[in-house]
Amino acid sequence: MSAAFDKAVSYVQGLPKDGPVKVAQNDQLEFYKYYKQATVGDVNIPRPGLMDFTGKAKWQVSSCQCSRNLDAWNSIKGTSPEEARKKYVEKLLEILNTNPDNEDNKKLIQELQELSA
């Protein structure tokens, strides 16, 4: 599964914003949380308290997007790295299968399935 995960990560990170494969914001959060869980494990960044203004400023790199990312990641706390890698690949396959007639998608789907076996 590790080879399939590495291939999927490489593909997702290289997707152009205006390319043929569109990744919705919710899907981006899915990729983020599974990637972080697979590579780091459970969230290791505590959410600052309400009155910790300095901590909040450091933690909120891009305001609410950082919070959403960490909330998404924290939502799968306890998931094993292996399961997170599997879910990441499954999410990409789900997106690719929305346009299975695309030749590039067909090749990648087949390759990911072979690497996952």
PDB file of N, CA and C in Angstrom:
ATOM      1  N   MET A   1       0.826  -1.200   0.000  1.00  0.00           N
ATOM      2  CA  MET A   1       0.000   0.000   0.000  1.00  0.00           C
ATOM      3  C   MET A   1       0.865   1.256   0.000  1.00  0.00           C
ATOM      4  N   SER A   2       2.057   1.160   0.525  1.00  0.00           N
ATOM      5  CA  SER A   2       2.921   2.335   0.601  1.00  0.00           C
ATOM      6  C   SER A   2       3.268   2.886  -0.786  1.00  0.00           C
ATOM      7  N   ALA A   3       3.517   1.990  -1.744  1.00  0.00           N
ATOM      8  CA  ALA A   3       3.852   2.438  -3.104  1.00  0.00           C
ATOM      9  C   ALA A   3       2.647   3.122  -3.751  1.00  0.00           C
ATOM     10  N   ALA A   4       1.453   2.589  -3.524  1.00  0.00           N
ATOM     11  CA  ALA A   4       0.234   3.201  -4.068  1.00  0.00           C
ATOM     12  C   ALA A   4       0.013   4.568  -3.432  1.00  0.00           C
ATOM     13  N   PHE A   5       0.235   4.651  -2.122  1.00  0.00           N
ATOM     14  CA  PHE A   5       0.093   5.930  -1.416  1.00  0.00           C
ATOM     15  C   PHE A   5       1.072   6.956  -1.969  1.00  0.00           C
ATOM     16  N   ASP A   6       2.327   6.575  -2.112  1.00  0.00           N
ATOM     17  CA  ASP A   6       3.342   7.503  -2.639  1.00  0.00           C
ATOM     18  C   ASP A   6       2.971   7.987  -4.037  1.00  0.00           C
ATOM     19  N   LYS A   7       2.488   7.084  -4.870  1.00  0.00           N
ATOM     20  CA  LYS A   7       2.061   7.437  -6.230  1.00  0.00           C
ATOM     21  C   LYS A   7       0.874   8.397  -6.181  1.00  0.00           C
ATOM     22  N   ALA A   8      -0.095   8.115  -5.324  1.00  0.00           N
ATOM     23  CA  ALA A   8      -1.287   8.957  -5.193  1.00  0.00           C
ATOM     24  C   ALA A   8      -0.920  10.350  -4.684  1.00  0.00           C
ATOM     25  N   VAL A   9      -0.044  10.414  -3.684  1.00  0.00           N
ATOM     26  CA  VAL A   9       0.382  11.712  -3.142  1.00  0.00           C
ATOM     27  C   VAL A   9       1.076  12.529  -4.221  1.00  0.00           C
ATOM     28  N   SER A  10       1.965  11.903  -4.951  1.00  0.00           N
ATOM     29  CA  SER A  10       2.677  12.591  -6.028  1.00  0.00           C
ATOM     30  C   SER A  10       1.697  13.145  -7.057  1.00  0.00           C
ATOM     31  N   TYR A  11       0.706  12.353  -7.394  1.00  0.00           N
ATOM     32  CA  TYR A  11      -0.285  12.774  -8.378  1.00  0.00           C
ATOM     33  C   TYR A  11      -1.115  13.956  -7.852  1.00  0.00           C
ATOM     34  N   VAL A  12      -1.645  13.817  -6.637  1.00  0.00           N
ATOM     35  CA  VAL A  12      -2.514  14.853  -6.065  1.00  0.00           C
ATOM     36  C   VAL A  12      -1.745  16.160  -5.890  1.00  0.00           C
ATOM     37  N   GLN A  13      -0.524  16.085  -5.397  1.00  0.00           N
ATOM     38  CA  GLN A  13       0.255  17.304  -5.179  1.00  0.00           C
ATOM     39  C   GLN A  13       0.630  17.991  -6.488  1.00  0.00           C
ATOM     40  N   GLY A  14       0.638  17.246  -7.589  1.00  0.00           N
ATOM     41  CA  GLY A  14       0.990  17.824  -8.880  1.00  0.00           C
ATOM     42  C   GLY A  14      -0.199  18.270  -9.715  1.00  0.00           C
ATOM     43  N   LEU A  15      -1.407  18.139  -9.164  1.00  0.00           N
ATOM     44  CA  LEU A  15      -2.594  18.517  -9.933  1.00  0.00           C
ATOM     45  C   LEU A  15      -2.657  20.024 -10.159  1.00  0.00           C
ATOM     46  N   PRO A  16      -2.780  20.460 -11.412  1.00  0.00           N
ATOM     47  CA  PRO A  16      -2.982  21.890 -11.657  1.00  0.00           C
ATOM     48  C   PRO A  16      -4.413  22.276 -11.277  1.00  0.00           C
ATOM     49  N   LYS A  17      -4.575  23.496 -10.774  1.00  0.00           N
ATOM     50  CA  LYS A  17      -5.901  23.947 -10.340  1.00  0.00           C
ATOM     51  C   LYS A  17      -6.914  23.940 -11.476  1.00  0.00           C
ATOM     52  N   ASP A  18      -6.455  24.190 -12.692  1.00  0.00           N
ATOM     53  CA  ASP A  18      -7.382  24.238 -13.824  1.00  0.00           C
ATOM     54  C   ASP A  18      -7.225  23.027 -14.738  1.00  0.00           C
ATOM     55  N   GLY A  19      -6.742  21.919 -14.173  1.00  0.00           N
ATOM     56  CA  GLY A  19      -6.534  20.704 -14.955  1.00  0.00           C
ATOM     57  C   GLY A  19      -7.816  19.913 -15.138  1.00  0.00           C
ATOM     58  N   PRO A  20      -7.717  18.758 -15.789  1.00  0.00           N
ATOM     59  CA  PRO A  20      -8.901  17.952 -16.090  1.00  0.00           C
ATOM     60  C   PRO A  20      -9.520  17.276 -14.861  1.00  0.00           C
ATOM     61  N   VAL A  21      -8.730  17.072 -13.822  1.00  0.00           N
ATOM     62  CA  VAL A  21      -9.246  16.460 -12.599  1.00  0.00           C
ATOM     63  C   VAL A  21      -9.502  17.566 -11.588  1.00  0.00           C
ATOM     64  N   LYS A  22     -10.758  17.721 -11.196  1.00  0.00           N
ATOM     65  CA  LYS A  22     -11.149  18.765 -10.246  1.00  0.00           C
ATOM     66  C   LYS A  22     -11.287  18.160  -8.854  1.00  0.00           C
ATOM     67  N   VAL A  23     -10.669  18.808  -7.887  1.00  0.00           N
ATOM     68  CA  VAL A  23     -10.734  18.350  -6.506  1.00  0.00           C
ATOM     69  C   VAL A  23     -11.448  19.427  -5.689  1.00  0.00           C
ATOM     70  N   ALA A  24     -12.635  19.101  -5.203  1.00  0.00           N
ATOM     71  CA  ALA A  24     -13.425  20.029  -4.401  1.00  0.00           C
ATOM     72  C   ALA A  24     -12.734  20.291  -3.070  1.00  0.00           C
ATOM     73  N   GLN A  25     -13.108  21.386  -2.422  1.00  0.00           N
ATOM     74  CA  GLN A  25     -12.486  21.755  -1.148  1.00  0.00           C
ATOM     75  C   GLN A  25     -12.656  20.660  -0.095  1.00  0.00           C
ATOM     76  N   ASN A  26     -13.835  20.040  -0.045  1.00  0.00           N
ATOM     77  CA  ASN A  26     -14.041  18.943   0.914  1.00  0.00           C
ATOM     78  C   ASN A  26     -13.113  17.773   0.618  1.00  0.00           C
ATOM     79  N   ASP A  27     -12.888  17.499  -0.665  1.00  0.00           N
ATOM     80  CA  ASP A  27     -11.974  16.426  -1.042  1.00  0.00           C
ATOM     81  C   ASP A  27     -10.540  16.788  -0.662  1.00  0.00           C
ATOM     82  N   GLN A  28     -10.184  18.052  -0.801  1.00  0.00           N
ATOM     83  CA  GLN A  28      -8.852  18.503  -0.401  1.00  0.00           C
ATOM     84  C   GLN A  28      -8.639  18.274   1.090  1.00  0.00           C
ATOM     85  N   LEU A  29      -9.681  18.528   1.898  1.00  0.00           N
ATOM     86  CA  LEU A  29      -9.591  18.265   3.336  1.00  0.00           C
ATOM     87  C   LEU A  29      -9.420  16.773   3.614  1.00  0.00           C
ATOM     88  N   GLU A  30     -10.107  15.952   2.817  1.00  0.00           N
ATOM     89  CA  GLU A  30      -9.969  14.498   2.971  1.00  0.00           C
ATOM     90  C   GLU A  30      -8.520  14.084   2.702  1.00  0.00           C
ATOM     91  N   PHE A  31      -7.962  14.582   1.605  1.00  0.00           N
ATOM     92  CA  PHE A  31      -6.568  14.263   1.285  1.00  0.00           C
ATOM     93  C   PHE A  31      -5.641  14.746   2.400  1.00  0.00           C
ATOM     94  N   TYR A  32      -5.883  15.962   2.868  1.00  0.00           N
ATOM     95  CA  TYR A  32      -5.036  16.533   3.920  1.00  0.00           C
ATOM     96  C   TYR A  32      -5.047  15.658   5.174  1.00  0.00           C
ATOM     97  N   LYS A  33      -6.250  15.324   5.636  1.00  0.00           N
ATOM     98  CA  LYS A  33      -6.315  14.594   6.909  1.00  0.00           C
ATOM     99  C   LYS A  33      -5.698  13.205   6.796  1.00  0.00           C
ATOM    100  N   TYR A  34      -5.934  12.533   5.673  1.00  0.00           N
ATOM    101  CA  TYR A  34      -5.348  11.197   5.522  1.00  0.00           C
ATOM    102  C   TYR A  34      -3.838  11.267   5.333  1.00  0.00           C
ATOM    103  N   TYR A  35      -3.372  12.282   4.623  1.00  0.00           N
ATOM    104  CA  TYR A  35      -1.928  12.447   4.437  1.00  0.00           C
ATOM    105  C   TYR A  35      -1.252  12.695   5.795  1.00  0.00           C
ATOM    106  N   LYS A  36      -1.806  13.631   6.563  1.00  0.00           N
ATOM    107  CA  LYS A  36      -1.198  13.950   7.863  1.00  0.00           C
ATOM    108  C   LYS A  36      -1.245  12.749   8.808  1.00  0.00           C
ATOM    109  N   GLN A  37      -2.357  12.029   8.820  1.00  0.00           N
ATOM    110  CA  GLN A  37      -2.468  10.865   9.696  1.00  0.00           C
ATOM    111  C   GLN A  37      -1.482   9.780   9.275  1.00  0.00           C
ATOM    112  N   ALA A  38      -1.305   9.617   7.965  1.00  0.00           N
ATOM    113  CA  ALA A  38      -0.383   8.593   7.459  1.00  0.00           C
ATOM    114  C   ALA A  38       1.068   8.952   7.725  1.00  0.00           C
ATOM    115  N   THR A  39       1.397  10.234   7.664  1.00  0.00           N
ATOM    116  CA  THR A  39       2.802  10.642   7.763  1.00  0.00           C
ATOM    117  C   THR A  39       3.218  11.138   9.147  1.00  0.00           C
ATOM    118  N   VAL A  40       2.258  11.633   9.932  1.00  0.00           N
ATOM    119  CA  VAL A  40       2.579  12.186  11.258  1.00  0.00           C
ATOM    120  C   VAL A  40       1.940  11.369  12.374  1.00  0.00           C
ATOM    121  N   GLY A  41       0.730  10.900  12.136  1.00  0.00           N
ATOM    122  CA  GLY A  41      -0.044  10.226  13.179  1.00  0.00           C
ATOM    123  C   GLY A  41      -1.093  11.190  13.704  1.00  0.00           C
ATOM    124  N   ASP A  42      -1.537  10.967  14.927  1.00  0.00           N
ATOM    125  CA  ASP A  42      -2.557  11.838  15.513  1.00  0.00           C
ATOM    126  C   ASP A  42      -2.074  13.284  15.579  1.00  0.00           C
ATOM    127  N   VAL A  43      -3.045  14.212  15.552  1.00  0.00           N
ATOM    128  CA  VAL A  43      -2.729  15.645  15.633  1.00  0.00           C
ATOM    129  C   VAL A  43      -1.800  15.877  16.817  1.00  0.00           C
ATOM    130  N   ASN A  44      -0.702  16.565  16.549  1.00  0.00           N
ATOM    131  CA  ASN A  44       0.284  16.822  17.605  1.00  0.00           C
ATOM    132  C   ASN A  44       0.431  18.313  17.886  1.00  0.00           C
ATOM    133  N   ILE A  45      -0.553  19.080  17.441  1.00  0.00           N
ATOM    134  CA  ILE A  45      -0.541  20.532  17.638  1.00  0.00           C
ATOM    135  C   ILE A  45      -1.768  20.892  18.467  1.00  0.00           C
ATOM    136  N   PRO A  46      -1.587  21.283  19.719  1.00  0.00           N
ATOM    137  CA  PRO A  46      -2.761  21.605  20.532  1.00  0.00           C
ATOM    138  C   PRO A  46      -3.423  22.894  20.055  1.00  0.00           C
ATOM    139  N   ARG A  47      -4.732  22.907  20.109  1.00  0.00           N
ATOM    140  CA  ARG A  47      -5.482  24.118  19.772  1.00  0.00           C
ATOM    141  C   ARG A  47      -5.315  25.099  20.932  1.00  0.00           C
ATOM    142  N   PRO A  48      -4.887  26.335  20.643  1.00  0.00           N
ATOM    143  CA  PRO A  48      -4.706  27.309  21.717  1.00  0.00           C
ATOM    144  C   PRO A  48      -6.034  27.676  22.378  1.00  0.00           C
ATOM    145  N   GLY A  49      -5.949  28.061  23.631  1.00  0.00           N
ATOM    146  CA  GLY A  49      -7.144  28.473  24.360  1.00  0.00           C
ATOM    147  C   GLY A  49      -7.704  29.777  23.825  1.00  0.00           C
ATOM    148  N   LEU A  50      -8.921  30.072  24.210  1.00  0.00           N
ATOM    149  CA  LEU A  50      -9.631  31.250  23.736  1.00  0.00           C
ATOM    150  C   LEU A  50      -8.882  32.547  24.050  1.00  0.00           C
ATOM    151  N   MET A  51      -8.237  32.620  25.180  1.00  0.00           N
ATOM    152  CA  MET A  51      -7.555  33.851  25.586  1.00  0.00           C
ATOM    153  C   MET A  51      -6.055  33.847  25.247  1.00  0.00           C
ATOM    154  N   ASP A  52      -5.577  32.819  24.611  1.00  0.00           N
ATOM    155  CA  ASP A  52      -4.166  32.740  24.213  1.00  0.00           C
ATOM    156  C   ASP A  52      -3.995  33.398  22.845  1.00  0.00           C
ATOM    157  N   PHE A  53      -3.930  34.725  22.843  1.00  0.00           N
ATOM    158  CA  PHE A  53      -3.893  35.475  21.590  1.00  0.00           C
ATOM    159  C   PHE A  53      -2.614  35.225  20.794  1.00  0.00           C
ATOM    160  N   THR A  54      -1.487  35.115  21.469  1.00  0.00           N
ATOM    161  CA  THR A  54      -0.222  34.837  20.782  1.00  0.00           C
ATOM    162  C   THR A  54      -0.253  33.454  20.164  1.00  0.00           C
ATOM    163  N   GLY A  55      -0.690  32.485  20.944  1.00  0.00           N
ATOM    164  CA  GLY A  55      -0.779  31.114  20.442  1.00  0.00           C
ATOM    165  C   GLY A  55      -1.735  31.004  19.273  1.00  0.00           C
ATOM    166  N   LYS A  56      -2.876  31.695  19.356  1.00  0.00           N
ATOM    167  CA  LYS A  56      -3.854  31.658  18.268  1.00  0.00           C
ATOM    168  C   LYS A  56      -3.278  32.276  17.000  1.00  0.00           C
ATOM    169  N   ALA A  57      -2.527  33.354  17.155  1.00  0.00           N
ATOM    170  CA  ALA A  57      -1.934  34.011  15.984  1.00  0.00           C
ATOM    171  C   ALA A  57      -0.933  33.086  15.307  1.00  0.00           C
ATOM    172  N   LYS A  58      -0.152  32.355  16.074  1.00  0.00           N
ATOM    173  CA  LYS A  58       0.820  31.417  15.506  1.00  0.00           C
ATOM    174  C   LYS A  58       0.115  30.222  14.874  1.00  0.00           C
ATOM    175  N   TRP A  59      -0.933  29.759  15.521  1.00  0.00           N
ATOM    176  CA  TRP A  59      -1.619  28.543  15.091  1.00  0.00           C
ATOM    177  C   TRP A  59      -2.429  28.774  13.836  1.00  0.00           C
ATOM    178  N   GLN A  60      -2.997  29.961  13.703  1.00  0.00           N
ATOM    179  CA  GLN A  60      -3.869  30.253  12.570  1.00  0.00           C
ATOM    180  C   GLN A  60      -3.073  30.850  11.420  1.00  0.00           C
ATOM    181  N   VAL A  61      -2.292  30.008  10.782  1.00  0.00           N
ATOM    182  CA  VAL A  61      -1.454  30.423   9.665  1.00  0.00           C
ATOM    183  C   VAL A  61      -2.279  31.127   8.608  1.00  0.00           C
ATOM    184  N   SER A  62      -3.365  30.508   8.212  1.00  0.00           N
ATOM    185  CA  SER A  62      -4.241  31.144   7.226  1.00  0.00           C
ATOM    186  C   SER A  62      -5.656  31.209   7.784  1.00  0.00           C
ATOM    187  N   SER A  63      -5.753  31.670   9.014  1.00  0.00           N
ATOM    188  CA  SER A  63      -7.025  31.879   9.686  1.00  0.00           C
ATOM    189  C   SER A  63      -7.847  30.600   9.750  1.00  0.00           C
ATOM    190  N   CYS A  64      -9.056  30.627   9.197  1.00  0.00           N
ATOM    191  CA  CYS A  64      -9.971  29.505   9.385  1.00  0.00           C
ATOM    192  C   CYS A  64      -9.544  28.259   8.614  1.00  0.00           C
ATOM    193  N   GLN A  65      -8.770  28.408   7.537  1.00  0.00           N
ATOM    194  CA  GLN A  65      -8.352  27.222   6.781  1.00  0.00           C
ATOM    195  C   GLN A  65      -7.500  26.306   7.646  1.00  0.00           C
ATOM    196  N   CYS A  66      -6.609  26.877   8.428  1.00  0.00           N
ATOM    197  CA  CYS A  66      -5.767  26.066   9.310  1.00  0.00           C
ATOM    198  C   CYS A  66      -6.633  25.329  10.330  1.00  0.00           C
ATOM    199  N   SER A  67      -7.614  26.014  10.867  1.00  0.00           N
ATOM    200  CA  SER A  67      -8.515  25.382  11.840  1.00  0.00           C
ATOM    201  C   SER A  67      -9.266  24.228  11.208  1.00  0.00           C
ATOM    202  N   ARG A  68      -9.778  24.426   9.994  1.00  0.00           N
ATOM    203  CA  ARG A  68     -10.502  23.363   9.309  1.00  0.00           C
ATOM    204  C   ARG A  68      -9.599  22.175   9.032  1.00  0.00           C
ATOM    205  N   ASN A  69      -8.353  22.464   8.615  1.00  0.00           N
ATOM    206  CA  ASN A  69      -7.409  21.382   8.344  1.00  0.00           C
ATOM    207  C   ASN A  69      -7.173  20.553   9.593  1.00  0.00           C
ATOM    208  N   LEU A  70      -6.902  21.239  10.706  1.00  0.00           N
ATOM    209  CA  LEU A  70      -6.608  20.519  11.943  1.00  0.00           C
ATOM    210  C   LEU A  70      -7.842  19.806  12.477  1.00  0.00           C
ATOM    211  N   ASP A  71      -9.015  20.411  12.324  1.00  0.00           N
ATOM    212  CA  ASP A  71     -10.249  19.740  12.750  1.00  0.00           C
ATOM    213  C   ASP A  71     -10.483  18.478  11.918  1.00  0.00           C
ATOM    214  N   ALA A  72     -10.235  18.580  10.601  1.00  0.00           N
ATOM    215  CA  ALA A  72     -10.396  17.410   9.732  1.00  0.00           C
ATOM    216  C   ALA A  72      -9.416  16.318  10.144  1.00  0.00           C
ATOM    217  N   TRP A  73      -8.178  16.703  10.359  1.00  0.00           N
ATOM    218  CA  TRP A  73      -7.144  15.739  10.763  1.00  0.00           C
ATOM    219  C   TRP A  73      -7.519  15.099  12.098  1.00  0.00           C
ATOM    220  N   ASN A  74      -7.955  15.917  13.045  1.00  0.00           N
ATOM    221  CA  ASN A  74      -8.303  15.409  14.364  1.00  0.00           C
ATOM    222  C   ASN A  74      -9.513  14.478  14.322  1.00  0.00           C
ATOM    223  N   SER A  75     -10.352  14.614  13.289  1.00  0.00           N
ATOM    224  CA  SER A  75     -11.556  13.786  13.181  1.00  0.00           C
ATOM    225  C   SER A  75     -11.238  12.311  12.956  1.00  0.00           C
ATOM    226  N   ILE A  76     -10.007  12.006  12.549  1.00  0.00           N
ATOM    227  CA  ILE A  76      -9.638  10.597  12.330  1.00  0.00           C
ATOM    228  C   ILE A  76      -8.568  10.139  13.325  1.00  0.00           C
ATOM    229  N   LYS A  77      -8.524  10.836  14.453  1.00  0.00           N
ATOM    230  CA  LYS A  77      -7.584  10.475  15.517  1.00  0.00           C
ATOM    231  C   LYS A  77      -7.711   8.995  15.850  1.00  0.00           C
ATOM    232  N   GLY A  78      -6.575   8.338  15.971  1.00  0.00           N
ATOM    233  CA  GLY A  78      -6.562   6.912  16.299  1.00  0.00           C
ATOM    234  C   GLY A  78      -6.504   6.000  15.083  1.00  0.00           C
ATOM    235  N   THR A  79      -6.687   6.565  13.892  1.00  0.00           N
ATOM    236  CA  THR A  79      -6.592   5.766  12.662  1.00  0.00           C
ATOM    237  C   THR A  79      -5.126   5.405  12.433  1.00  0.00           C
ATOM    238  N   SER A  80      -4.873   4.174  12.088  1.00  0.00           N
ATOM    239  CA  SER A  80      -3.493   3.740  11.862  1.00  0.00           C
ATOM    240  C   SER A  80      -2.940   4.395  10.594  1.00  0.00           C
ATOM    241  N   PRO A  81      -1.629   4.576  10.518  1.00  0.00           N
ATOM    242  CA  PRO A  81      -1.031   5.118   9.295  1.00  0.00           C
ATOM    243  C   PRO A  81      -1.366   4.282   8.064  1.00  0.00           C
ATOM    244  N   GLU A  82      -1.393   2.961   8.213  1.00  0.00           N
ATOM    245  CA  GLU A  82      -1.713   2.080   7.092  1.00  0.00           C
ATOM    246  C   GLU A  82      -3.141   2.327   6.596  1.00  0.00           C
ATOM    247  N   GLU A  83      -4.077   2.441   7.521  1.00  0.00           N
ATOM    248  CA  GLU A  83      -5.474   2.704   7.145  1.00  0.00           C
ATOM    249  C   GLU A  83      -5.606   4.085   6.501  1.00  0.00           C
ATOM    250  N   ALA A  84      -4.882   5.077   6.995  1.00  0.00           N
ATOM    251  CA  ALA A  84      -4.920   6.428   6.413  1.00  0.00           C
ATOM    252  C   ALA A  84      -4.365   6.412   4.989  1.00  0.00           C
ATOM    253  N   ARG A  85      -3.283   5.657   4.764  1.00  0.00           N
ATOM    254  CA  ARG A  85      -2.738   5.541   3.399  1.00  0.00           C
ATOM    255  C   ARG A  85      -3.763   4.900   2.461  1.00  0.00           C
ATOM    256  N   LYS A  86      -4.422   3.873   2.967  1.00  0.00           N
ATOM    257  CA  LYS A  86      -5.444   3.177   2.173  1.00  0.00           C
ATOM    258  C   LYS A  86      -6.588   4.131   1.824  1.00  0.00           C
ATOM    259  N   LYS A  87      -7.054   4.892   2.798  1.00  0.00           N
ATOM    260  CA  LYS A  87      -8.166   5.825   2.571  1.00  0.00           C
ATOM    261  C   LYS A  87      -7.771   6.929   1.587  1.00  0.00           C
ATOM    262  N   TYR A  88      -6.525   7.372   1.638  1.00  0.00           N
ATOM    263  CA  TYR A  88      -6.038   8.398   0.712  1.00  0.00           C
ATOM    264  C   TYR A  88      -6.121   7.883  -0.721  1.00  0.00           C
ATOM    265  N   VAL A  89      -5.638   6.673  -0.930  1.00  0.00           N
ATOM    266  CA  VAL A  89      -5.661   6.066  -2.268  1.00  0.00           C
ATOM    267  C   VAL A  89      -7.109   5.849  -2.709  1.00  0.00           C
ATOM    268  N   GLU A  90      -7.957   5.356  -1.817  1.00  0.00           N
ATOM    269  CA  GLU A  90      -9.365   5.140  -2.152  1.00  0.00           C
ATOM    270  C   GLU A  90     -10.051   6.440  -2.550  1.00  0.00           C
ATOM    271  N   LYS A  91      -9.717   7.544  -1.871  1.00  0.00           N
ATOM    272  CA  LYS A  91     -10.310   8.841  -2.203  1.00  0.00           C
ATOM    273  C   LYS A  91      -9.904   9.272  -3.600  1.00  0.00           C
ATOM    274  N   LEU A  92      -8.642   9.090  -3.939  1.00  0.00           N
ATOM    275  CA  LEU A  92      -8.198   9.450  -5.285  1.00  0.00           C
ATOM    276  C   LEU A  92      -8.884   8.573  -6.329  1.00  0.00           C
ATOM    277  N   LEU A  93      -8.993   7.280  -6.069  1.00  0.00           N
ATOM    278  CA  LEU A  93      -9.671   6.381  -7.003  1.00  0.00           C
ATOM    279  C   LEU A  93     -11.132   6.792  -7.197  1.00  0.00           C
ATOM    280  N   GLU A  94     -11.776   7.195  -6.119  1.00  0.00           N
ATOM    281  CA  GLU A  94     -13.170   7.656  -6.194  1.00  0.00           C
ATOM    282  C   GLU A  94     -13.286   8.860  -7.136  1.00  0.00           C
ATOM    283  N   ILE A  95     -12.367   9.802  -7.013  1.00  0.00           N
ATOM    284  CA  ILE A  95     -12.386  10.999  -7.868  1.00  0.00           C
ATOM    285  C   ILE A  95     -12.070  10.632  -9.313  1.00  0.00           C
ATOM    286  N   LEU A  96     -11.060   9.796  -9.506  1.00  0.00           N
ATOM    287  CA  LEU A  96     -10.690   9.393 -10.867  1.00  0.00           C
ATOM    288  C   LEU A  96     -11.812   8.634 -11.553  1.00  0.00           C
ATOM    289  N   ASN A  97     -12.554   7.866 -10.799  1.00  0.00           N
ATOM    290  CA  ASN A  97     -13.641   7.070 -11.369  1.00  0.00           C
ATOM    291  C   ASN A  97     -14.847   7.904 -11.782  1.00  0.00           C
ATOM    292  N   THR A  98     -14.846   9.197 -11.460  1.00  0.00           N
ATOM    293  CA  THR A  98     -15.927  10.057 -11.945  1.00  0.00           C
ATOM    294  C   THR A  98     -15.753  10.356 -13.429  1.00  0.00           C
ATOM    295  N   ASN A  99     -14.555  10.103 -13.954  1.00  0.00           N
ATOM    296  CA  ASN A  99     -14.279  10.301 -15.382  1.00  0.00           C
ATOM    297  C   ASN A  99     -13.415   9.136 -15.876  1.00  0.00           C
ATOM    298  N   PRO A 100     -13.960   7.912 -15.856  1.00  0.00           N
ATOM    299  CA  PRO A 100     -13.156   6.728 -16.171  1.00  0.00           C
ATOM    300  C   PRO A 100     -12.794   6.588 -17.648  1.00  0.00           C
ATOM    301  N   ASP A 101     -13.421   7.381 -18.513  1.00  0.00           N
ATOM    302  CA  ASP A 101     -13.123   7.285 -19.946  1.00  0.00           C
ATOM    303  C   ASP A 101     -11.849   8.027 -20.321  1.00  0.00           C
ATOM    304  N   ASN A 102     -11.369   8.887 -19.432  1.00  0.00           N
ATOM    305  CA  ASN A 102     -10.123   9.611 -19.673  1.00  0.00           C
ATOM    306  C   ASN A 102      -8.971   8.605 -19.643  1.00  0.00           C
ATOM    307  N   GLU A 103      -8.167   8.585 -20.689  1.00  0.00           N
ATOM    308  CA  GLU A 103      -7.076   7.600 -20.800  1.00  0.00           C
ATOM    309  C   GLU A 103      -6.060   7.717 -19.663  1.00  0.00           C
ATOM    310  N   ASP A 104      -5.717   8.953 -19.273  1.00  0.00           N
ATOM    311  CA  ASP A 104      -4.769   9.142 -18.170  1.00  0.00           C
ATOM    312  C   ASP A 104      -5.353   8.596 -16.873  1.00  0.00           C
ATOM    313  N   ASN A 105      -6.644   8.843 -16.658  1.00  0.00           N
ATOM    314  CA  ASN A 105      -7.306   8.319 -15.464  1.00  0.00           C
ATOM    315  C   ASN A 105      -7.298   6.798 -15.458  1.00  0.00           C
ATOM    316  N   LYS A 106      -7.586   6.197 -16.614  1.00  0.00           N
ATOM    317  CA  LYS A 106      -7.596   4.732 -16.722  1.00  0.00           C
ATOM    318  C   LYS A 106      -6.244   4.154 -16.322  1.00  0.00           C
ATOM    319  N   LYS A 107      -5.176   4.752 -16.845  1.00  0.00           N
ATOM    320  CA  LYS A 107      -3.822   4.263 -16.537  1.00  0.00           C
ATOM    321  C   LYS A 107      -3.525   4.368 -15.049  1.00  0.00           C
ATOM    322  N   LEU A 108      -3.856   5.529 -14.471  1.00  0.00           N
ATOM    323  CA  LEU A 108      -3.564   5.733 -13.054  1.00  0.00           C
ATOM    324  C   LEU A 108      -4.417   4.819 -12.182  1.00  0.00           C
ATOM    325  N   ILE A 109      -5.678   4.653 -12.533  1.00  0.00           N
ATOM    326  CA  ILE A 109      -6.554   3.748 -11.778  1.00  0.00           C
ATOM    327  C   ILE A 109      -5.964   2.336 -11.773  1.00  0.00           C
ATOM    328  N   GLN A 110      -5.568   1.873 -12.942  1.00  0.00           N
ATOM    329  CA  GLN A 110      -4.995   0.527 -13.041  1.00  0.00           C
ATOM    330  C   GLN A 110      -3.703   0.417 -12.223  1.00  0.00           C
ATOM    331  N   GLU A 111      -2.840   1.417 -12.342  1.00  0.00           N
ATOM    332  CA  GLU A 111      -1.575   1.383 -11.622  1.00  0.00           C
ATOM    333  C   GLU A 111      -1.796   1.391 -10.101  1.00  0.00           C
ATOM    334  N   LEU A 112      -2.707   2.242  -9.630  1.00  0.00           N
ATOM    335  CA  LEU A 112      -2.975   2.300  -8.200  1.00  0.00           C
ATOM    336  C   LEU A 112      -3.578   0.986  -7.695  1.00  0.00           C
ATOM    337  N   GLN A 113      -4.452   0.397  -8.485  1.00  0.00           N
ATOM    338  CA  GLN A 113      -5.040  -0.875  -8.077  1.00  0.00           C
ATOM    339  C   GLN A 113      -3.986  -1.981  -8.023  1.00  0.00           C
ATOM    340  N   GLU A 114      -3.075  -1.999  -8.975  1.00  0.00           N
ATOM    341  CA  GLU A 114      -2.011  -3.006  -8.969  1.00  0.00           C
ATOM    342  C   GLU A 114      -1.071  -2.798  -7.787  1.00  0.00           C
ATOM    343  N   LEU A 115      -0.734  -1.539  -7.488  1.00  0.00           N
ATOM    344  CA  LEU A 115       0.168  -1.251  -6.370  1.00  0.00           C
ATOM    345  C   LEU A 115      -0.491  -1.549  -5.036  1.00  0.00           C
ATOM    346  N   SER A 116      -1.823  -1.460  -4.982  1.00  0.00           N
ATOM    347  CA  SER A 116      -2.572  -1.704  -3.744  1.00  0.00           C
ATOM    348  C   SER A 116      -2.767  -3.174  -3.455  1.00  0.00           C
ATOM    349  N   ALA A 117      -2.653  -4.001  -4.489  1.00  0.00           N
ATOM    350  CA  ALA A 117      -2.942  -5.433  -4.325  1.00  0.00           C
ATOM    351  C   ALA A 117      -1.896  -6.138  -3.488  1.00  0.00           C
TER     352      ALA A 117
END
